[in-house]
Amino acid sequence: MDHQERIGGVRKGWGMSGFTGFRCGEVEMGRRGDEMIVRLMSSTAQRSWRRIYELADTATRIDVQVTVDMGQDCQKFVWEYYKKATAMSAKQKDGPAVNVILGNDGGATVYCGARTSNRFGRVYAKGPQSKDARFENCLRFEVQYNSRMAKQVARSLAHTRSEAEWCIARSVRFFEERIGSVPIRTAKIINDSCSRKRTEIEGKLQWLRASVNSSVRLLCDRGFTLEVLDALGLPSGAGPRRVKDGELIRPDDE
């Protein structure tokens, strides 16, 4: 958590399932009686999950994935996988539920199974989801393991020599059973595929650039720099505001 704060995270209150504590960037932690829960996400999970797992009594969720550069827009691939998954599910007695979401921003996701089950899969366009140019035209095949299955998967992963190869093999096996072939051999695998989430500080700065910058520049160009600083609660260090009878005085009126 200290590391997340140093790189721009903001520590906030957090809670779930009776646990209460804090979250900062890619880390969440909380207490419930004599129990503690720790959740790691994105690059922090990829880098530090084993250290937390070795201290834990159990694991209740773990996600594994492989990210593939398809070389072109991913919506059509997601739609094809949806149709394949639907057809394969229909051939099974009580086959897994299959759902798809397509967005006008290029986003696309197909869900395989129930989120609350022991295994739940999703294939989605990583570029629109992450808004990261490195993932343009990339598909992510991700499996979420819960409960006892999560404990088994974490134990197996902790004893493998190559985490990346193990996660790829596990992801491929899951989706081959539900959508048929997975394009691992015909497309480029993105090895370092757990990007760091944008921190709260980075997000706020981006919002300032996109939503406030133009208004601030306009006001400063018109000579209202002191008023802008005052409106933002920033020290101007340059005398009183130019206000008379509750109204701003234009510089050319002074």
C-alpha atoms as a PDB file:
ATOM      1  CA  MET A   1       0.000   0.000   0.000  1.00  0.00           C
ATOM      2  CA  ASP A   2       2.854   2.379   0.767  1.00  0.00           C
ATOM      3  CA  HIS A   3       4.288   1.669  -2.678  1.00  0.00           C
ATOM      4  CA  GLN A   4       0.919   2.356  -4.310  1.00  0.00           C
ATOM      5  CA  GLU A   5       0.743   5.727  -2.542  1.00  0.00           C
ATOM      6  CA  ARG A   6       4.266   6.629  -3.658  1.00  0.00           C
ATOM      7  CA  ILE A   7       3.393   6.038  -7.328  1.00  0.00           C
ATOM      8  CA  GLY A   8       0.203   8.112  -7.189  1.00  0.00           C
ATOM      9  CA  GLY A   9      -2.489   6.070  -5.459  1.00  0.00           C
ATOM     10  CA  VAL A  10      -4.897   7.602  -2.944  1.00  0.00           C
ATOM     11  CA  ARG A  11      -5.711   5.600   0.185  1.00  0.00           C
ATOM     12  CA  LYS A  12      -9.463   5.281   0.769  1.00  0.00           C
ATOM     13  CA  GLY A  13     -11.829   3.333   2.976  1.00  0.00           C
ATOM     14  CA  TRP A  14     -12.895  -0.030   1.559  1.00  0.00           C
ATOM     15  CA  GLY A  15     -15.014  -3.003   2.552  1.00  0.00           C
ATOM     16  CA  MET A  16     -16.701  -6.186   1.308  1.00  0.00           C
ATOM     17  CA  SER A  17     -18.483  -9.179   2.865  1.00  0.00           C
ATOM     18  CA  GLY A  18     -18.109  -7.742   6.366  1.00  0.00           C
ATOM     19  CA  PHE A  19     -14.429  -6.894   5.963  1.00  0.00           C
ATOM     20  CA  THR A  20     -13.511  -3.235   6.491  1.00  0.00           C
ATOM     21  CA  GLY A  21     -10.216  -1.588   5.693  1.00  0.00           C
ATOM     22  CA  PHE A  22      -8.513   0.394   2.952  1.00  0.00           C
ATOM     23  CA  ARG A  23      -7.763   0.395  -0.727  1.00  0.00           C
ATOM     24  CA  CYS A  24      -4.988   2.144  -2.609  1.00  0.00           C
ATOM     25  CA  GLY A  25      -4.306   1.681  -6.305  1.00  0.00           C
ATOM     26  CA  GLU A  26      -4.030  -2.026  -7.019  1.00  0.00           C
ATOM     27  CA  VAL A  27      -4.238  -3.184  -3.383  1.00  0.00           C
ATOM     28  CA  GLU A  28      -7.259  -3.751  -1.104  1.00  0.00           C
ATOM     29  CA  MET A  29      -7.148  -5.044   2.458  1.00  0.00           C
ATOM     30  CA  GLY A  30      -9.564  -5.362   5.355  1.00  0.00           C
ATOM     31  CA  ARG A  31     -10.302  -7.041   8.688  1.00  0.00           C
ATOM     32  CA  ARG A  32     -13.310  -9.001   9.901  1.00  0.00           C
ATOM     33  CA  GLY A  33     -12.881 -10.135  13.490  1.00  0.00           C
ATOM     34  CA  ASP A  34      -9.633 -12.099  13.608  1.00  0.00           C
ATOM     35  CA  GLU A  35      -9.562 -12.559   9.812  1.00  0.00           C
ATOM     36  CA  MET A  36      -7.844 -10.427   7.179  1.00  0.00           C
ATOM     37  CA  ILE A  37      -8.389 -10.277   3.425  1.00  0.00           C
ATOM     38  CA  VAL A  38      -5.932  -8.972   0.827  1.00  0.00           C
ATOM     39  CA  ARG A  39      -6.777  -8.438  -2.839  1.00  0.00           C
ATOM     40  CA  LEU A  40      -4.190  -7.617  -5.512  1.00  0.00           C
ATOM     41  CA  MET A  41      -4.962  -6.458  -9.051  1.00  0.00           C
ATOM     42  CA  SER A  42      -3.273  -5.975 -12.425  1.00  0.00           C
ATOM     43  CA  SER A  43       0.522  -5.613 -12.393  1.00  0.00           C
ATOM     44  CA  THR A  44       0.711  -5.794  -8.589  1.00  0.00           C
ATOM     45  CA  ALA A  45      -1.048  -9.166  -8.643  1.00  0.00           C
ATOM     46  CA  GLN A  46       1.281 -10.422 -11.365  1.00  0.00           C
ATOM     47  CA  ARG A  47       4.355  -9.231  -9.473  1.00  0.00           C
ATOM     48  CA  SER A  48       3.471  -9.929  -5.828  1.00  0.00           C
ATOM     49  CA  TRP A  49       0.702 -12.552  -5.634  1.00  0.00           C
ATOM     50  CA  ARG A  50       3.082 -15.311  -4.526  1.00  0.00           C
ATOM     51  CA  ARG A  51       4.344 -13.318  -1.519  1.00  0.00           C
ATOM     52  CA  ILE A  52       0.779 -12.795  -0.307  1.00  0.00           C
ATOM     53  CA  TYR A  53      -0.223 -16.394  -1.067  1.00  0.00           C
ATOM     54  CA  GLU A  54       2.655 -17.781   1.022  1.00  0.00           C
ATOM     55  CA  LEU A  55       1.329 -15.838   4.033  1.00  0.00           C
ATOM     56  CA  ALA A  56      -2.327 -16.710   3.476  1.00  0.00           C
ATOM     57  CA  ASP A  57      -4.371 -19.533   4.978  1.00  0.00           C
ATOM     58  CA  THR A  58      -6.366 -19.869   1.771  1.00  0.00           C
ATOM     59  CA  ALA A  59      -7.125 -18.313  -1.610  1.00  0.00           C
ATOM     60  CA  THR A  60     -10.749 -17.597  -2.539  1.00  0.00           C
ATOM     61  CA  ARG A  61     -10.211 -16.117  -6.010  1.00  0.00           C
ATOM     62  CA  ILE A  62      -7.475 -16.152  -8.609  1.00  0.00           C
ATOM     63  CA  ASP A  63      -7.617 -15.027 -12.250  1.00  0.00           C
ATOM     64  CA  VAL A  64      -5.343 -16.373 -14.993  1.00  0.00           C
ATOM     65  CA  GLN A  65      -5.190 -15.118 -18.548  1.00  0.00           C
ATOM     66  CA  VAL A  66      -3.427 -14.943 -21.877  1.00  0.00           C
ATOM     67  CA  THR A  67      -3.526 -11.843 -24.089  1.00  0.00           C
ATOM     68  CA  VAL A  68      -3.232 -12.223 -27.851  1.00  0.00           C
ATOM     69  CA  ASP A  69      -2.602  -9.592 -30.534  1.00  0.00           C
ATOM     70  CA  MET A  70      -5.113 -10.381 -33.271  1.00  0.00           C
ATOM     71  CA  GLY A  71      -3.759  -7.718 -35.647  1.00  0.00           C
ATOM     72  CA  GLN A  72      -7.205  -6.235 -36.314  1.00  0.00           C
ATOM     73  CA  ASP A  73     -10.409  -5.087 -34.653  1.00  0.00           C
ATOM     74  CA  CYS A  74     -11.535  -7.639 -32.069  1.00  0.00           C
ATOM     75  CA  GLN A  75     -15.320  -7.242 -32.096  1.00  0.00           C
ATOM     76  CA  LYS A  76     -15.820  -9.700 -34.924  1.00  0.00           C
ATOM     77  CA  PHE A  77     -13.739 -12.320 -33.117  1.00  0.00           C
ATOM     78  CA  VAL A  78     -15.772 -11.902 -29.934  1.00  0.00           C
ATOM     79  CA  TRP A  79     -18.995 -12.291 -31.902  1.00  0.00           C
ATOM     80  CA  GLU A  80     -17.690 -15.471 -33.556  1.00  0.00           C
ATOM     81  CA  TYR A  81     -16.672 -16.887 -30.171  1.00  0.00           C
ATOM     82  CA  TYR A  82     -20.112 -16.070 -28.806  1.00  0.00           C
ATOM     83  CA  LYS A  83     -21.766 -18.067 -31.582  1.00  0.00           C
ATOM     84  CA  LYS A  84     -19.376 -21.003 -31.090  1.00  0.00           C
ATOM     85  CA  ALA A  85     -19.832 -20.994 -27.313  1.00  0.00           C
ATOM     86  CA  THR A  86     -23.614 -20.869 -27.686  1.00  0.00           C
ATOM     87  CA  ALA A  87     -23.590 -23.804 -30.100  1.00  0.00           C
ATOM     88  CA  MET A  88     -21.300 -25.890 -27.874  1.00  0.00           C
ATOM     89  CA  SER A  89     -23.362 -25.119 -24.768  1.00  0.00           C
ATOM     90  CA  ALA A  90     -26.579 -26.150 -26.538  1.00  0.00           C
ATOM     91  CA  LYS A  91     -25.130 -29.621 -27.174  1.00  0.00           C
ATOM     92  CA  GLN A  92     -24.635 -30.212 -23.438  1.00  0.00           C
ATOM     93  CA  LYS A  93     -27.199 -31.007 -20.806  1.00  0.00           C
ATOM     94  CA  ASP A  94     -27.403 -27.928 -18.573  1.00  0.00           C
ATOM     95  CA  GLY A  95     -24.613 -26.315 -20.595  1.00  0.00           C
ATOM     96  CA  PRO A  96     -22.980 -23.132 -19.263  1.00  0.00           C
ATOM     97  CA  ALA A  97     -24.685 -19.795 -19.779  1.00  0.00           C
ATOM     98  CA  VAL A  98     -23.202 -17.664 -22.555  1.00  0.00           C
ATOM     99  CA  ASN A  99     -23.624 -13.884 -22.853  1.00  0.00           C
ATOM    100  CA  VAL A 100     -22.120 -11.203 -25.047  1.00  0.00           C
ATOM    101  CA  ILE A 101     -21.782  -7.408 -24.850  1.00  0.00           C
ATOM    102  CA  LEU A 102     -20.771  -5.267 -27.846  1.00  0.00           C
ATOM    103  CA  GLY A 103     -20.188  -1.538 -27.435  1.00  0.00           C
ATOM    104  CA  ASN A 104     -20.123   1.325 -29.934  1.00  0.00           C
ATOM    105  CA  ASP A 105     -16.653   2.215 -28.600  1.00  0.00           C
ATOM    106  CA  GLY A 106     -15.159  -1.021 -29.911  1.00  0.00           C
ATOM    107  CA  GLY A 107     -15.611  -2.830 -26.610  1.00  0.00           C
ATOM    108  CA  ALA A 108     -16.656  -6.467 -26.793  1.00  0.00           C
ATOM    109  CA  THR A 109     -16.922  -9.268 -24.216  1.00  0.00           C
ATOM    110  CA  VAL A 110     -18.283 -12.803 -24.242  1.00  0.00           C
ATOM    111  CA  TYR A 111     -18.955 -14.456 -20.868  1.00  0.00           C
ATOM    112  CA  CYS A 112     -18.837 -18.216 -20.362  1.00  0.00           C
ATOM    113  CA  GLY A 113     -20.557 -19.551 -17.250  1.00  0.00           C
ATOM    114  CA  ALA A 114     -21.847 -17.908 -14.076  1.00  0.00           C
ATOM    115  CA  ARG A 115     -19.739 -15.373 -12.220  1.00  0.00           C
ATOM    116  CA  THR A 116     -20.527 -17.095  -8.899  1.00  0.00           C
ATOM    117  CA  SER A 117     -19.507 -20.579 -10.073  1.00  0.00           C
ATOM    118  CA  ASN A 118     -16.145 -22.217  -9.392  1.00  0.00           C
ATOM    119  CA  ARG A 119     -14.959 -21.307 -12.900  1.00  0.00           C
ATOM    120  CA  PHE A 120     -16.013 -18.306 -14.953  1.00  0.00           C
ATOM    121  CA  GLY A 121     -14.503 -17.193 -18.249  1.00  0.00           C
ATOM    122  CA  ARG A 122     -14.521 -14.035 -20.322  1.00  0.00           C
ATOM    123  CA  VAL A 123     -12.976 -13.089 -23.653  1.00  0.00           C
ATOM    124  CA  TYR A 124     -12.786  -9.365 -24.278  1.00  0.00           C
ATOM    125  CA  ALA A 125     -11.208  -6.655 -26.396  1.00  0.00           C
ATOM    126  CA  LYS A 126      -8.416  -5.420 -24.169  1.00  0.00           C
ATOM    127  CA  GLY A 127      -7.768  -2.149 -26.008  1.00  0.00           C
ATOM    128  CA  PRO A 128     -11.142  -0.445 -25.373  1.00  0.00           C
ATOM    129  CA  GLN A 129     -11.307  -1.910 -21.855  1.00  0.00           C
ATOM    130  CA  SER A 130      -7.857  -0.637 -20.818  1.00  0.00           C
ATOM    131  CA  LYS A 131      -7.708   2.467 -23.047  1.00  0.00           C
ATOM    132  CA  ASP A 132      -4.052   1.555 -23.506  1.00  0.00           C
ATOM    133  CA  ALA A 133      -2.615   1.866 -27.029  1.00  0.00           C
ATOM    134  CA  ARG A 134      -0.334  -1.112 -26.397  1.00  0.00           C
ATOM    135  CA  PHE A 135      -3.405  -3.372 -26.375  1.00  0.00           C
ATOM    136  CA  GLU A 136      -4.990  -2.135 -29.592  1.00  0.00           C
ATOM    137  CA  ASN A 137      -6.370  -5.157 -31.460  1.00  0.00           C
ATOM    138  CA  CYS A 138      -5.667  -7.444 -28.488  1.00  0.00           C
ATOM    139  CA  LEU A 139      -7.986 -10.122 -27.115  1.00  0.00           C
ATOM    140  CA  ARG A 140      -7.740 -11.293 -23.529  1.00  0.00           C
ATOM    141  CA  PHE A 141      -8.787 -14.835 -22.602  1.00  0.00           C
ATOM    142  CA  GLU A 142      -9.320 -14.743 -18.840  1.00  0.00           C
ATOM    143  CA  VAL A 143     -10.519 -17.380 -16.378  1.00  0.00           C
ATOM    144  CA  GLN A 144     -11.706 -16.529 -12.870  1.00  0.00           C
ATOM    145  CA  TYR A 145     -11.456 -19.336 -10.299  1.00  0.00           C
ATOM    146  CA  ASN A 146     -13.428 -19.037  -7.086  1.00  0.00           C
ATOM    147  CA  SER A 147     -13.722 -20.847  -3.774  1.00  0.00           C
ATOM    148  CA  ARG A 148     -12.180 -24.329  -3.510  1.00  0.00           C
ATOM    149  CA  MET A 149     -11.145 -24.245  -7.164  1.00  0.00           C
ATOM    150  CA  ALA A 150      -9.185 -21.040  -6.513  1.00  0.00           C
ATOM    151  CA  LYS A 151      -7.307 -22.751  -3.689  1.00  0.00           C
ATOM    152  CA  GLN A 152      -6.380 -25.680  -5.935  1.00  0.00           C
ATOM    153  CA  VAL A 153      -5.305 -23.454  -8.826  1.00  0.00           C
ATOM    154  CA  ALA A 154      -3.221 -21.182  -6.590  1.00  0.00           C
ATOM    155  CA  ARG A 155      -1.446 -24.179  -5.062  1.00  0.00           C
ATOM    156  CA  SER A 156      -0.657 -25.608  -8.485  1.00  0.00           C
ATOM    157  CA  LEU A 157       0.529 -22.243  -9.843  1.00  0.00           C
ATOM    158  CA  ALA A 158       2.746 -21.661  -6.807  1.00  0.00           C
ATOM    159  CA  HIS A 159       4.641 -24.887  -7.572  1.00  0.00           C
ATOM    160  CA  THR A 160       5.164 -24.355 -11.297  1.00  0.00           C
ATOM    161  CA  ARG A 161       8.480 -23.250 -12.781  1.00  0.00           C
ATOM    162  CA  SER A 162       6.957 -20.916 -15.363  1.00  0.00           C
ATOM    163  CA  GLU A 163       3.926 -18.951 -14.237  1.00  0.00           C
ATOM    164  CA  ALA A 164       3.369 -17.465 -17.708  1.00  0.00           C
ATOM    165  CA  GLU A 165       3.373 -20.821 -19.525  1.00  0.00           C
ATOM    166  CA  TRP A 166       1.150 -22.381 -16.861  1.00  0.00           C
ATOM    167  CA  CYS A 167      -1.408 -19.546 -17.089  1.00  0.00           C
ATOM    168  CA  ILE A 168      -1.456 -19.715 -20.881  1.00  0.00           C
ATOM    169  CA  ALA A 169      -2.004 -23.486 -20.873  1.00  0.00           C
ATOM    170  CA  ARG A 170      -4.744 -23.257 -18.248  1.00  0.00           C
ATOM    171  CA  SER A 171      -6.555 -20.466 -20.086  1.00  0.00           C
ATOM    172  CA  VAL A 172      -6.353 -22.243 -23.436  1.00  0.00           C
ATOM    173  CA  ARG A 173      -7.692 -25.495 -21.977  1.00  0.00           C
ATOM    174  CA  PHE A 174     -10.689 -23.724 -20.409  1.00  0.00           C
ATOM    175  CA  PHE A 175     -11.731 -21.954 -23.606  1.00  0.00           C
ATOM    176  CA  GLU A 176     -11.049 -24.853 -25.950  1.00  0.00           C
ATOM    177  CA  GLU A 177     -13.716 -26.745 -23.999  1.00  0.00           C
ATOM    178  CA  ARG A 178     -16.190 -23.868 -24.516  1.00  0.00           C
ATOM    179  CA  ILE A 179     -15.444 -22.099 -27.804  1.00  0.00           C
ATOM    180  CA  GLY A 180     -13.247 -24.555 -29.681  1.00  0.00           C
ATOM    181  CA  SER A 181      -9.827 -23.512 -30.952  1.00  0.00           C
ATOM    182  CA  VAL A 182      -8.000 -20.543 -29.375  1.00  0.00           C
ATOM    183  CA  PRO A 183      -5.645 -18.536 -31.677  1.00  0.00           C
ATOM    184  CA  ILE A 184      -2.488 -19.073 -29.623  1.00  0.00           C
ATOM    185  CA  ARG A 185      -0.418 -20.516 -32.487  1.00  0.00           C
ATOM    186  CA  THR A 186      -1.632 -18.133 -35.182  1.00  0.00           C
ATOM    187  CA  ALA A 187      -1.362 -14.824 -33.294  1.00  0.00           C
ATOM    188  CA  LYS A 188       1.214 -13.010 -31.197  1.00  0.00           C
ATOM    189  CA  ILE A 189       1.066 -13.587 -27.451  1.00  0.00           C
ATOM    190  CA  ILE A 190       1.643 -10.472 -25.370  1.00  0.00           C
ATOM    191  CA  ASN A 191       3.861 -11.793 -22.579  1.00  0.00           C
ATOM    192  CA  ASP A 192       3.895  -8.780 -20.241  1.00  0.00           C
ATOM    193  CA  SER A 193       0.135  -8.401 -20.431  1.00  0.00           C
ATOM    194  CA  CYS A 194      -0.759  -7.202 -16.914  1.00  0.00           C
ATOM    195  CA  SER A 195      -0.537  -3.451 -17.336  1.00  0.00           C
ATOM    196  CA  ARG A 196      -0.454  -1.134 -14.334  1.00  0.00           C
ATOM    197  CA  LYS A 197      -3.812   0.432 -13.617  1.00  0.00           C
ATOM    198  CA  ARG A 198      -3.942   4.202 -13.906  1.00  0.00           C
ATOM    199  CA  THR A 199      -3.593   5.684 -10.424  1.00  0.00           C
ATOM    200  CA  GLU A 200      -6.125   8.072  -8.910  1.00  0.00           C
ATOM    201  CA  ILE A 201      -3.618  10.933  -9.207  1.00  0.00           C
ATOM    202  CA  GLU A 202      -3.029  10.163 -12.881  1.00  0.00           C
ATOM    203  CA  GLY A 203      -6.771   9.970 -13.452  1.00  0.00           C
ATOM    204  CA  LYS A 204      -7.417  13.331 -11.800  1.00  0.00           C
ATOM    205  CA  LEU A 205      -4.611  14.974 -13.791  1.00  0.00           C
ATOM    206  CA  GLN A 206      -6.033  13.508 -16.999  1.00  0.00           C
ATOM    207  CA  TRP A 207      -9.465  14.880 -16.071  1.00  0.00           C
ATOM    208  CA  LEU A 208      -7.946  18.329 -15.487  1.00  0.00           C
ATOM    209  CA  ARG A 209      -6.276  18.241 -18.900  1.00  0.00           C
ATOM    210  CA  ALA A 210      -9.407  17.084 -20.691  1.00  0.00           C
ATOM    211  CA  SER A 211     -12.131  19.012 -18.843  1.00  0.00           C
ATOM    212  CA  VAL A 212     -10.596  22.056 -17.154  1.00  0.00           C
ATOM    213  CA  ASN A 213      -7.515  23.038 -19.123  1.00  0.00           C
ATOM    214  CA  SER A 214      -9.309  24.920 -21.908  1.00  0.00           C
ATOM    215  CA  SER A 215     -11.436  26.972 -19.494  1.00  0.00           C
ATOM    216  CA  VAL A 216      -8.419  27.885 -17.360  1.00  0.00           C
ATOM    217  CA  ARG A 217      -6.415  28.947 -20.417  1.00  0.00           C
ATOM    218  CA  LEU A 218      -9.303  31.092 -21.670  1.00  0.00           C
ATOM    219  CA  LEU A 219      -9.705  32.876 -18.330  1.00  0.00           C
ATOM    220  CA  CYS A 220      -5.964  33.414 -17.930  1.00  0.00           C
ATOM    221  CA  ASP A 221      -5.707  34.781 -21.472  1.00  0.00           C
ATOM    222  CA  ARG A 222      -8.448  37.277 -20.558  1.00  0.00           C
ATOM    223  CA  GLY A 223      -6.463  38.400 -17.522  1.00  0.00           C
ATOM    224  CA  PHE A 224      -8.288  36.504 -14.758  1.00  0.00           C
ATOM    225  CA  THR A 225      -5.359  34.424 -13.505  1.00  0.00           C
ATOM    226  CA  LEU A 226      -5.827  35.570  -9.899  1.00  0.00           C
ATOM    227  CA  GLU A 227      -9.502  34.677  -9.993  1.00  0.00           C
ATOM    228  CA  VAL A 228      -8.708  31.247 -11.408  1.00  0.00           C
ATOM    229  CA  LEU A 229      -6.242  30.584  -8.590  1.00  0.00           C
ATOM    230  CA  ASP A 230      -8.825  31.716  -6.049  1.00  0.00           C
ATOM    231  CA  ALA A 231     -11.563  29.557  -7.586  1.00  0.00           C
ATOM    232  CA  LEU A 232      -9.261  26.537  -7.401  1.00  0.00           C
ATOM    233  CA  GLY A 233      -8.336  27.313  -3.799  1.00  0.00           C
ATOM    234  CA  LEU A 234      -4.703  27.934  -4.720  1.00  0.00           C
ATOM    235  CA  PRO A 235      -2.542  30.701  -3.213  1.00  0.00           C
ATOM    236  CA  SER A 236      -2.029  33.535  -5.683  1.00  0.00           C
ATOM    237  CA  GLY A 237       0.670  35.402  -3.764  1.00  0.00           C
ATOM    238  CA  ALA A 238      -0.289  38.547  -5.618  1.00  0.00           C
ATOM    239  CA  GLY A 239      -2.561  40.910  -3.745  1.00  0.00           C
ATOM    240  CA  PRO A 240      -6.366  41.053  -3.468  1.00  0.00           C
ATOM    241  CA  ARG A 241      -8.843  39.714  -6.005  1.00  0.00           C
ATOM    242  CA  ARG A 242     -10.183  42.094  -8.618  1.00  0.00           C
ATOM    243  CA  VAL A 243     -13.773  42.063  -7.429  1.00  0.00           C
ATOM    244  CA  LYS A 244     -16.102  45.039  -6.927  1.00  0.00           C
ATOM    245  CA  ASP A 245     -19.672  44.876  -5.619  1.00  0.00           C
ATOM    246  CA  GLY A 246     -19.633  41.099  -5.979  1.00  0.00           C
ATOM    247  CA  GLU A 247     -18.651  41.181  -9.649  1.00  0.00           C
ATOM    248  CA  LEU A 248     -15.371  40.542 -11.411  1.00  0.00           C
ATOM    249  CA  ILE A 249     -13.681  43.592 -12.863  1.00  0.00           C
ATOM    250  CA  ARG A 250     -12.291  43.058 -16.324  1.00  0.00           C
ATOM    251  CA  PRO A 251      -8.613  44.096 -16.628  1.00  0.00           C
ATOM    252  CA  ASP A 252      -9.395  46.654 -19.303  1.00  0.00           C
ATOM    253  CA  ASP A 253     -11.993  48.248 -16.974  1.00  0.00           C
ATOM    254  CA  GLU A 254      -9.488  48.917 -14.162  1.00  0.00           C
END
